[in-house]
PDB file of all heavy atoms in Angstrom:
ATOM      1  N   VAL A   1      46.922 -20.357  -8.009  1.00  0.00           N
ATOM      2  CA  VAL A   1      45.976 -20.650  -6.926  1.00  0.00           C
ATOM      3  C   VAL A   1      45.730 -19.401  -6.103  1.00  0.00           C
ATOM      4  O   VAL A   1      46.675 -18.676  -5.762  1.00  0.00           O
ATOM      5  CB  VAL A   1      46.511 -21.798  -6.031  1.00  0.00           C
ATOM      6  CG1 VAL A   1      45.683 -21.940  -4.761  1.00  0.00           C
ATOM      7  CG2 VAL A   1      46.511 -23.116  -6.806  1.00  0.00           C
ATOM      8  N   VAL A   2      44.467 -19.154  -5.807  1.00  0.00           N
ATOM      9  CA  VAL A   2      44.071 -18.017  -4.976  1.00  0.00           C
ATOM     10  C   VAL A   2      43.657 -18.545  -3.606  1.00  0.00           C
ATOM     11  O   VAL A   2      42.902 -19.522  -3.511  1.00  0.00           O
ATOM     12  CB  VAL A   2      42.896 -17.244  -5.607  1.00  0.00           C
ATOM     13  CG1 VAL A   2      42.539 -16.028  -4.752  1.00  0.00           C
ATOM     14  CG2 VAL A   2      43.229 -16.814  -7.025  1.00  0.00           C
ATOM     15  N   MET A   3      44.130 -17.911  -2.552  1.00  0.00           N
ATOM     16  CA  MET A   3      43.754 -18.290  -1.191  1.00  0.00           C
ATOM     17  C   MET A   3      42.385 -17.695  -0.892  1.00  0.00           C
ATOM     18  O   MET A   3      42.196 -16.482  -0.954  1.00  0.00           O
ATOM     19  CB  MET A   3      44.811 -17.788  -0.205  1.00  0.00           C
ATOM     20  CG  MET A   3      46.208 -18.222  -0.586  1.00  0.00           C
ATOM     21  SD  MET A   3      47.490 -17.518   0.475  1.00  0.00           S
ATOM     22  CE  MET A   3      47.412 -18.664   1.847  1.00  0.00           C
ATOM     23  N   GLY A   4      41.421 -18.544  -0.563  1.00  0.00           N
ATOM     24  CA  GLY A   4      40.037 -18.117  -0.442  1.00  0.00           C
ATOM     25  C   GLY A   4      39.605 -17.664   0.929  1.00  0.00           C
ATOM     26  O   GLY A   4      38.422 -17.764   1.271  1.00  0.00           O
ATOM     27  N   CYS A   5      40.526 -17.138   1.714  1.00  0.00           N
ATOM     28  CA  CYS A   5      40.194 -16.584   3.028  1.00  0.00           C
ATOM     29  C   CYS A   5      41.339 -15.677   3.456  1.00  0.00           C
ATOM     30  O   CYS A   5      42.509 -16.035   3.276  1.00  0.00           O
ATOM     31  CB  CYS A   5      39.989 -17.689   4.058  1.00  0.00           C
ATOM     32  SG  CYS A   5      39.714 -17.093   5.751  1.00  0.00           S
ATOM     33  N   ALA A   6      41.000 -14.527   4.035  1.00  0.00           N
ATOM     34  CA  ALA A   6      42.036 -13.583   4.449  1.00  0.00           C
ATOM     35  C   ALA A   6      42.914 -14.118   5.567  1.00  0.00           C
ATOM     36  O   ALA A   6      44.041 -13.659   5.747  1.00  0.00           O
ATOM     37  CB  ALA A   6      41.391 -12.266   4.872  1.00  0.00           C
ATOM     38  N   GLY A   7      42.436 -15.099   6.317  1.00  0.00           N
ATOM     39  CA  GLY A   7      43.233 -15.632   7.416  1.00  0.00           C
ATOM     40  C   GLY A   7      44.365 -16.539   6.991  1.00  0.00           C
ATOM     41  O   GLY A   7      45.207 -16.922   7.806  1.00  0.00           O
ATOM     42  N   MET A   8      44.419 -16.924   5.723  1.00  0.00           N
ATOM     43  CA  MET A   8      45.413 -17.882   5.238  1.00  0.00           C
ATOM     44  C   MET A   8      46.773 -17.254   4.935  1.00  0.00           C
ATOM     45  O   MET A   8      47.702 -17.949   4.535  1.00  0.00           O
ATOM     46  CB  MET A   8      44.909 -18.559   3.965  1.00  0.00           C
ATOM     47  CG  MET A   8      43.655 -19.377   4.115  1.00  0.00           C
ATOM     48  SD  MET A   8      43.139 -20.051   2.496  1.00  0.00           S
ATOM     49  CE  MET A   8      41.628 -20.914   2.942  1.00  0.00           C
ATOM     50  N   ALA A   9      46.913 -15.965   5.103  1.00  0.00           N
ATOM     51  CA  ALA A   9      48.066 -15.236   4.572  1.00  0.00           C
ATOM     52  C   ALA A   9      49.421 -15.805   4.972  1.00  0.00           C
ATOM     53  O   ALA A   9      50.331 -15.884   4.139  1.00  0.00           O
ATOM     54  CB  ALA A   9      47.981 -13.774   4.999  1.00  0.00           C
ATOM     55  N   SER A  10      49.570 -16.224   6.214  1.00  0.00           N
ATOM     56  CA  SER A  10      50.892 -16.664   6.686  1.00  0.00           C
ATOM     57  C   SER A  10      51.363 -17.948   6.014  1.00  0.00           C
ATOM     58  O   SER A  10      52.535 -18.310   6.114  1.00  0.00           O
ATOM     59  CB  SER A  10      50.872 -16.857   8.207  1.00  0.00           C
ATOM     60  OG  SER A  10      49.969 -17.891   8.576  1.00  0.00           O
ATOM     61  N   HIS A  11      50.467 -18.635   5.321  1.00  0.00           N
ATOM     62  CA  HIS A  11      50.815 -19.907   4.680  1.00  0.00           C
ATOM     63  C   HIS A  11      51.159 -19.758   3.198  1.00  0.00           C
ATOM     64  O   HIS A  11      51.515 -20.736   2.552  1.00  0.00           O
ATOM     65  CB  HIS A  11      49.635 -20.887   4.815  1.00  0.00           C
ATOM     66  CG  HIS A  11      49.134 -21.053   6.211  1.00  0.00           C
ATOM     67  ND1 HIS A  11      49.849 -21.702   7.194  1.00  0.00           N
ATOM     68  CD2 HIS A  11      47.976 -20.639   6.803  1.00  0.00           C
ATOM     69  CE1 HIS A  11      49.151 -21.683   8.331  1.00  0.00           C
ATOM     70  NE2 HIS A  11      48.024 -21.048   8.111  1.00  0.00           N
ATOM     71  N   ARG A  12      51.045 -18.565   2.654  1.00  0.00           N
ATOM     72  CA  ARG A  12      51.167 -18.395   1.204  1.00  0.00           C
ATOM     73  C   ARG A  12      52.484 -18.914   0.661  1.00  0.00           C
ATOM     74  O   ARG A  12      52.509 -19.700  -0.302  1.00  0.00           O
ATOM     75  CB  ARG A  12      50.992 -16.922   0.815  1.00  0.00           C
ATOM     76  CG  ARG A  12      50.833 -16.713  -0.695  1.00  0.00           C
ATOM     77  CD  ARG A  12      51.201 -15.309  -1.131  1.00  0.00           C
ATOM     78  NE  ARG A  12      52.620 -15.041  -0.910  1.00  0.00           N
ATOM     79  CZ  ARG A  12      53.579 -15.461  -1.716  1.00  0.00           C
ATOM     80  NH1 ARG A  12      53.294 -16.180  -2.786  1.00  0.00           N
ATOM     81  NH2 ARG A  12      54.841 -15.197  -1.439  1.00  0.00           N
ATOM     82  N   ALA A  13      53.591 -18.484   1.235  1.00  0.00           N
ATOM     83  CA  ALA A  13      54.900 -18.863   0.703  1.00  0.00           C
ATOM     84  C   ALA A  13      55.109 -20.378   0.779  1.00  0.00           C
ATOM     85  O   ALA A  13      55.647 -20.981  -0.167  1.00  0.00           O
ATOM     86  CB  ALA A  13      56.006 -18.135   1.460  1.00  0.00           C
ATOM     87  N   ALA A  14      54.683 -21.002   1.867  1.00  0.00           N
ATOM     88  CA  ALA A  14      54.857 -22.447   2.020  1.00  0.00           C
ATOM     89  C   ALA A  14      54.022 -23.211   1.003  1.00  0.00           C
ATOM     90  O   ALA A  14      54.473 -24.220   0.442  1.00  0.00           O
ATOM     91  CB  ALA A  14      54.473 -22.872   3.437  1.00  0.00           C
ATOM     92  N   ILE A  15      52.802 -22.753   0.761  1.00  0.00           N
ATOM     93  CA  ILE A  15      51.958 -23.413  -0.236  1.00  0.00           C
ATOM     94  C   ILE A  15      52.580 -23.274  -1.620  1.00  0.00           C
ATOM     95  O   ILE A  15      52.666 -24.241  -2.386  1.00  0.00           O
ATOM     96  CB  ILE A  15      50.535 -22.827  -0.221  1.00  0.00           C
ATOM     97  CG1 ILE A  15      49.870 -23.050   1.132  1.00  0.00           C
ATOM     98  CG2 ILE A  15      49.686 -23.468  -1.323  1.00  0.00           C
ATOM     99  CD1 ILE A  15      48.549 -22.295   1.298  1.00  0.00           C
ATOM    100  N   GLU A  16      53.016 -22.064  -1.946  1.00  0.00           N
ATOM    101  CA  GLU A  16      53.603 -21.827  -3.267  1.00  0.00           C
ATOM    102  C   GLU A  16      54.822 -22.710  -3.498  1.00  0.00           C
ATOM    103  O   GLU A  16      54.990 -23.295  -4.578  1.00  0.00           O
ATOM    104  CB  GLU A  16      53.966 -20.351  -3.401  1.00  0.00           C
ATOM    105  CG  GLU A  16      54.469 -19.965  -4.785  1.00  0.00           C
ATOM    106  CD  GLU A  16      54.591 -18.458  -4.937  1.00  0.00           C
ATOM    107  OE1 GLU A  16      53.583 -17.810  -5.263  1.00  0.00           O
ATOM    108  OE2 GLU A  16      55.703 -17.949  -4.701  1.00  0.00           O
ATOM    109  N   GLU A  17      55.668 -22.813  -2.489  1.00  0.00           N
ATOM    110  CA  GLU A  17      56.863 -23.650  -2.629  1.00  0.00           C
ATOM    111  C   GLU A  17      56.495 -25.112  -2.814  1.00  0.00           C
ATOM    112  O   GLU A  17      57.103 -25.831  -3.616  1.00  0.00           O
ATOM    113  CB  GLU A  17      57.756 -23.491  -1.391  1.00  0.00           C
ATOM    114  CG  GLU A  17      59.042 -24.302  -1.460  1.00  0.00           C
ATOM    115  CD  GLU A  17      59.937 -24.090  -0.260  1.00  0.00           C
ATOM    116  OE1 GLU A  17      59.549 -23.324   0.653  1.00  0.00           O
ATOM    117  OE2 GLU A  17      61.021 -24.686  -0.227  1.00  0.00           O
ATOM    118  N   ALA A  18      55.463 -25.560  -2.096  1.00  0.00           N
ATOM    119  CA  ALA A  18      55.084 -26.970  -2.142  1.00  0.00           C
ATOM    120  C   ALA A  18      54.412 -27.368  -3.448  1.00  0.00           C
ATOM    121  O   ALA A  18      54.595 -28.488  -3.935  1.00  0.00           O
ATOM    122  CB  ALA A  18      54.155 -27.297  -0.968  1.00  0.00           C
ATOM    123  N   ILE A  19      53.618 -26.462  -4.046  1.00  0.00           N
ATOM    124  CA  ILE A  19      52.833 -26.862  -5.217  1.00  0.00           C
ATOM    125  C   ILE A  19      53.432 -26.389  -6.530  1.00  0.00           C
ATOM    126  O   ILE A  19      53.019 -26.837  -7.601  1.00  0.00           O
ATOM    127  CB  ILE A  19      51.370 -26.406  -5.094  1.00  0.00           C
ATOM    128  CG1 ILE A  19      51.240 -24.882  -5.186  1.00  0.00           C
ATOM    129  CG2 ILE A  19      50.761 -26.916  -3.790  1.00  0.00           C
ATOM    130  CD1 ILE A  19      49.786 -24.398  -5.153  1.00  0.00           C
ATOM    131  N   GLY A  20      54.382 -25.465  -6.476  1.00  0.00           N
ATOM    132  CA  GLY A  20      55.126 -25.100  -7.669  1.00  0.00           C
ATOM    133  C   GLY A  20      54.427 -24.183  -8.651  1.00  0.00           C
ATOM    134  O   GLY A  20      54.852 -24.082  -9.811  1.00  0.00           O
ATOM    135  N   VAL A  21      53.356 -23.515  -8.216  1.00  0.00           N
ATOM    136  CA  VAL A  21      52.701 -22.512  -9.058  1.00  0.00           C
ATOM    137  C   VAL A  21      52.475 -21.262  -8.206  1.00  0.00           C
ATOM    138  O   VAL A  21      52.495 -21.332  -6.974  1.00  0.00           O
ATOM    139  CB  VAL A  21      51.348 -23.012  -9.634  1.00  0.00           C
ATOM    140  CG1 VAL A  21      51.542 -24.294 -10.434  1.00  0.00           C
ATOM    141  CG2 VAL A  21      50.309 -23.191  -8.545  1.00  0.00           C
ATOM    142  N   PRO A  22      52.226 -20.102  -8.835  1.00  0.00           N
ATOM    143  CA  PRO A  22      51.991 -18.889  -8.050  1.00  0.00           C
ATOM    144  C   PRO A  22      50.760 -19.013  -7.158  1.00  0.00           C
ATOM    145  O   PRO A  22      49.743 -19.587  -7.555  1.00  0.00           O
ATOM    146  CB  PRO A  22      51.779 -17.814  -9.120  1.00  0.00           C
ATOM    147  CG  PRO A  22      52.425 -18.342 -10.349  1.00  0.00           C
ATOM    148  CD  PRO A  22      52.250 -19.829 -10.287  1.00  0.00           C
ATOM    149  N   VAL A  23      50.866 -18.480  -5.959  1.00  0.00           N
ATOM    150  CA  VAL A  23      49.761 -18.455  -5.007  1.00  0.00           C
ATOM    151  C   VAL A  23      49.478 -16.997  -4.648  1.00  0.00           C
ATOM    152  O   VAL A  23      50.376 -16.267  -4.233  1.00  0.00           O
ATOM    153  CB  VAL A  23      50.077 -19.275  -3.733  1.00  0.00           C
ATOM    154  CG1 VAL A  23      48.947 -19.145  -2.718  1.00  0.00           C
ATOM    155  CG2 VAL A  23      50.297 -20.750  -4.091  1.00  0.00           C
ATOM    156  N   VAL A  24      48.230 -16.586  -4.803  1.00  0.00           N
ATOM    157  CA  VAL A  24      47.824 -15.205  -4.593  1.00  0.00           C
ATOM    158  C   VAL A  24      47.183 -15.049  -3.221  1.00  0.00           C
ATOM    159  O   VAL A  24      46.259 -15.794  -2.874  1.00  0.00           O
ATOM    160  CB  VAL A  24      46.818 -14.761  -5.674  1.00  0.00           C
ATOM    161  CG1 VAL A  24      46.280 -13.370  -5.377  1.00  0.00           C
ATOM    162  CG2 VAL A  24      47.474 -14.807  -7.054  1.00  0.00           C
ATOM    163  N   GLU A  25      47.689 -14.096  -2.433  1.00  0.00           N
ATOM    164  CA  GLU A  25      47.068 -13.745  -1.154  1.00  0.00           C
ATOM    165  C   GLU A  25      46.176 -12.533  -1.424  1.00  0.00           C
ATOM    166  O   GLU A  25      46.675 -11.448  -1.706  1.00  0.00           O
ATOM    167  CB  GLU A  25      48.144 -13.439  -0.119  1.00  0.00           C
ATOM    168  CG  GLU A  25      47.660 -13.526   1.327  1.00  0.00           C
ATOM    169  CD  GLU A  25      46.589 -12.498   1.661  1.00  0.00           C
ATOM    170  OE1 GLU A  25      46.864 -11.289   1.533  1.00  0.00           O
ATOM    171  OE2 GLU A  25      45.466 -12.912   2.030  1.00  0.00           O
ATOM    172  N   PRO A  26      44.852 -12.669  -1.372  1.00  0.00           N
ATOM    173  CA  PRO A  26      43.970 -11.634  -1.904  1.00  0.00           C
ATOM    174  C   PRO A  26      43.914 -10.346  -1.097  1.00  0.00           C
ATOM    175  O   PRO A  26      43.683  -9.276  -1.675  1.00  0.00           O
ATOM    176  CB  PRO A  26      42.606 -12.321  -1.947  1.00  0.00           C
ATOM    177  CG  PRO A  26      42.678 -13.371  -0.878  1.00  0.00           C
ATOM    178  CD  PRO A  26      44.099 -13.847  -0.909  1.00  0.00           C
ATOM    179  N   ALA A  27      44.097 -10.405   0.222  1.00  0.00           N
ATOM    180  CA  ALA A  27      44.063  -9.172   1.005  1.00  0.00           C
ATOM    181  C   ALA A  27      45.215  -8.256   0.606  1.00  0.00           C
ATOM    182  O   ALA A  27      45.053  -7.035   0.500  1.00  0.00           O
ATOM    183  CB  ALA A  27      44.113  -9.478   2.498  1.00  0.00           C
ATOM    184  N   GLN A  28      46.376  -8.833   0.374  1.00  0.00           N
ATOM    185  CA  GLN A  28      47.513  -8.027  -0.071  1.00  0.00           C
ATOM    186  C   GLN A  28      47.213  -7.358  -1.407  1.00  0.00           C
ATOM    187  O   GLN A  28      47.529  -6.178  -1.611  1.00  0.00           O
ATOM    188  CB  GLN A  28      48.756  -8.911  -0.199  1.00  0.00           C
ATOM    189  CG  GLN A  28      49.266  -9.439   1.126  1.00  0.00           C
ATOM    190  CD  GLN A  28      50.387 -10.449   0.951  1.00  0.00           C
ATOM    191  OE1 GLN A  28      50.510 -11.088  -0.098  1.00  0.00           O
ATOM    192  NE2 GLN A  28      51.212 -10.605   1.969  1.00  0.00           N
ATOM    193  N   GLN A  29      46.598  -8.101  -2.317  1.00  0.00           N
ATOM    194  CA  GLN A  29      46.306  -7.551  -3.639  1.00  0.00           C
ATOM    195  C   GLN A  29      45.287  -6.419  -3.553  1.00  0.00           C
ATOM    196  O   GLN A  29      45.410  -5.395  -4.241  1.00  0.00           O
ATOM    197  CB  GLN A  29      45.802  -8.659  -4.574  1.00  0.00           C
ATOM    198  CG  GLN A  29      46.778  -9.800  -4.769  1.00  0.00           C
ATOM    199  CD  GLN A  29      48.127  -9.351  -5.300  1.00  0.00           C
ATOM    200  OE1 GLN A  29      48.190  -8.439  -6.141  1.00  0.00           O
ATOM    201  NE2 GLN A  29      49.201  -9.962  -4.829  1.00  0.00           N
ATOM    202  N   ALA A  30      44.262  -6.593  -2.711  1.00  0.00           N
ATOM    203  CA  ALA A  30      43.239  -5.551  -2.578  1.00  0.00           C
ATOM    204  C   ALA A  30      43.802  -4.298  -1.933  1.00  0.00           C
ATOM    205  O   ALA A  30      43.479  -3.175  -2.344  1.00  0.00           O
ATOM    206  CB  ALA A  30      42.057  -6.086  -1.771  1.00  0.00           C
ATOM    207  N   VAL A  31      44.637  -4.458  -0.920  1.00  0.00           N
ATOM    208  CA  VAL A  31      45.248  -3.298  -0.276  1.00  0.00           C
ATOM    209  C   VAL A  31      46.204  -2.602  -1.239  1.00  0.00           C
ATOM    210  O   VAL A  31      46.239  -1.360  -1.311  1.00  0.00           O
ATOM    211  CB  VAL A  31      45.947  -3.693   1.035  1.00  0.00           C
ATOM    212  CG1 VAL A  31      46.768  -2.529   1.592  1.00  0.00           C
ATOM    213  CG2 VAL A  31      44.925  -4.149   2.075  1.00  0.00           C
ATOM    214  N   ALA A  32      46.963  -3.373  -1.997  1.00  0.00           N
ATOM    215  CA  ALA A  32      47.867  -2.777  -2.992  1.00  0.00           C
ATOM    216  C   ALA A  32      47.070  -1.953  -4.005  1.00  0.00           C
ATOM    217  O   ALA A  32      47.474  -0.843  -4.396  1.00  0.00           O
ATOM    218  CB  ALA A  32      48.673  -3.853  -3.697  1.00  0.00           C
ATOM    219  N   ALA A  33      45.928  -2.479  -4.432  1.00  0.00           N
ATOM    220  CA  ALA A  33      45.078  -1.746  -5.369  1.00  0.00           C
ATOM    221  C   ALA A  33      44.525  -0.474  -4.725  1.00  0.00           C
ATOM    222  O   ALA A  33      44.426   0.579  -5.374  1.00  0.00           O
ATOM    223  CB  ALA A  33      43.931  -2.633  -5.842  1.00  0.00           C
ATOM    224  N   ALA A  34      44.178  -0.561  -3.446  1.00  0.00           N
ATOM    225  CA  ALA A  34      43.668   0.611  -2.736  1.00  0.00           C
ATOM    226  C   ALA A  34      44.744   1.691  -2.618  1.00  0.00           C
ATOM    227  O   ALA A  34      44.458   2.893  -2.754  1.00  0.00           O
ATOM    228  CB  ALA A  34      43.157   0.221  -1.351  1.00  0.00           C
ATOM    229  N   ILE A  35      45.970   1.278  -2.370  1.00  0.00           N
ATOM    230  CA  ILE A  35      47.081   2.244  -2.305  1.00  0.00           C
ATOM    231  C   ILE A  35      47.194   2.977  -3.639  1.00  0.00           C
ATOM    232  O   ILE A  35      47.295   4.217  -3.688  1.00  0.00           O
ATOM    233  CB  ILE A  35      48.405   1.540  -1.957  1.00  0.00           C
ATOM    234  CG1 ILE A  35      48.368   1.012  -0.527  1.00  0.00           C
ATOM    235  CG2 ILE A  35      49.587   2.504  -2.143  1.00  0.00           C
ATOM    236  CD1 ILE A  35      49.547   0.109  -0.182  1.00  0.00           C
ATOM    237  N   GLY A  36      47.181   2.234  -4.726  1.00  0.00           N
ATOM    238  CA  GLY A  36      47.267   2.863  -6.034  1.00  0.00           C
ATOM    239  C   GLY A  36      46.120   3.827  -6.285  1.00  0.00           C
ATOM    240  O   GLY A  36      46.325   4.935  -6.787  1.00  0.00           O
ATOM    241  N   ALA A  37      44.909   3.400  -5.897  1.00  0.00           N
ATOM    242  CA  ALA A  37      43.743   4.268  -6.117  1.00  0.00           C
ATOM    243  C   ALA A  37      43.853   5.555  -5.308  1.00  0.00           C
ATOM    244  O   ALA A  37      43.529   6.637  -5.800  1.00  0.00           O
ATOM    245  CB  ALA A  37      42.473   3.513  -5.735  1.00  0.00           C
ATOM    246  N   VAL A  38      44.321   5.455  -4.072  1.00  0.00           N
ATOM    247  CA  VAL A  38      44.450   6.625  -3.218  1.00  0.00           C
ATOM    248  C   VAL A  38      45.523   7.573  -3.744  1.00  0.00           C
ATOM    249  O   VAL A  38      45.326   8.789  -3.845  1.00  0.00           O
ATOM    250  CB  VAL A  38      44.744   6.216  -1.759  1.00  0.00           C
ATOM    251  CG1 VAL A  38      45.174   7.408  -0.920  1.00  0.00           C
ATOM    252  CG2 VAL A  38      43.520   5.559  -1.141  1.00  0.00           C
ATOM    253  N   LEU A  39      46.682   7.033  -4.092  1.00  0.00           N
ATOM    254  CA  LEU A  39      47.774   7.887  -4.557  1.00  0.00           C
ATOM    255  C   LEU A  39      47.453   8.546  -5.888  1.00  0.00           C
ATOM    256  O   LEU A  39      47.833   9.694  -6.144  1.00  0.00           O
ATOM    257  CB  LEU A  39      49.068   7.060  -4.666  1.00  0.00           C
ATOM    258  CG  LEU A  39      49.630   6.542  -3.334  1.00  0.00           C
ATOM    259  CD1 LEU A  39      50.904   5.746  -3.592  1.00  0.00           C
ATOM    260  CD2 LEU A  39      49.896   7.684  -2.360  1.00  0.00           C
ATOM    261  N   LEU A  40      46.760   7.837  -6.755  1.00  0.00           N
ATOM    262  CA  LEU A  40      46.443   8.391  -8.060  1.00  0.00           C
ATOM    263  C   LEU A  40      45.317   9.411  -8.020  1.00  0.00           C
ATOM    264  O   LEU A  40      45.102  10.151  -8.979  1.00  0.00           O
ATOM    265  CB  LEU A  40      46.107   7.258  -9.045  1.00  0.00           C
ATOM    266  CG  LEU A  40      47.291   6.378  -9.417  1.00  0.00           C
ATOM    267  CD1 LEU A  40      46.837   5.180 -10.241  1.00  0.00           C
ATOM    268  CD2 LEU A  40      48.356   7.177 -10.187  1.00  0.00           C
ATOM    269  N   ARG A  41      44.604   9.442  -6.888  1.00  0.00           N
ATOM    270  CA  ARG A  41      43.564  10.464  -6.705  1.00  0.00           C
ATOM    271  C   ARG A  41      44.123  11.743  -6.109  1.00  0.00           C
ATOM    272  O   ARG A  41      43.404  12.710  -5.922  1.00  0.00           O
ATOM    273  CB  ARG A  41      42.456   9.921  -5.789  1.00  0.00           C
ATOM    274  CG  ARG A  41      41.546   8.920  -6.458  1.00  0.00           C
ATOM    275  CD  ARG A  41      40.739   8.154  -5.426  1.00  0.00           C
ATOM    276  NE  ARG A  41      39.910   9.008  -4.596  1.00  0.00           N
ATOM    277  CZ  ARG A  41      38.621   9.249  -4.830  1.00  0.00           C
ATOM    278  NH1 ARG A  41      38.034   8.720  -5.877  1.00  0.00           N
ATOM    279  NH2 ARG A  41      37.923  10.024  -4.026  1.00  0.00           N
ATOM    280  N   ALA A  42      45.418  11.723  -5.775  1.00  0.00           N
ATOM    281  CA  ALA A  42      46.038  12.881  -5.117  1.00  0.00           C
ATOM    282  C   ALA A  42      45.942  14.134  -5.980  1.00  0.00           C
ATOM    283  O   ALA A  42      46.043  14.060  -7.194  1.00  0.00           O
ATOM    284  CB  ALA A  42      47.501  12.564  -4.807  1.00  0.00           C
TER     285      ALA A  42
END
């Protein structure tokens, strides 16, 4: 399950525990990708 709004982040762990499948917080994923892109451009 993907959380469809950046404001939902604080609920990710609780949702994942309740529904029993991975839950993706998209802002974290996009920032993580940006970190990789920046470091690899060094």
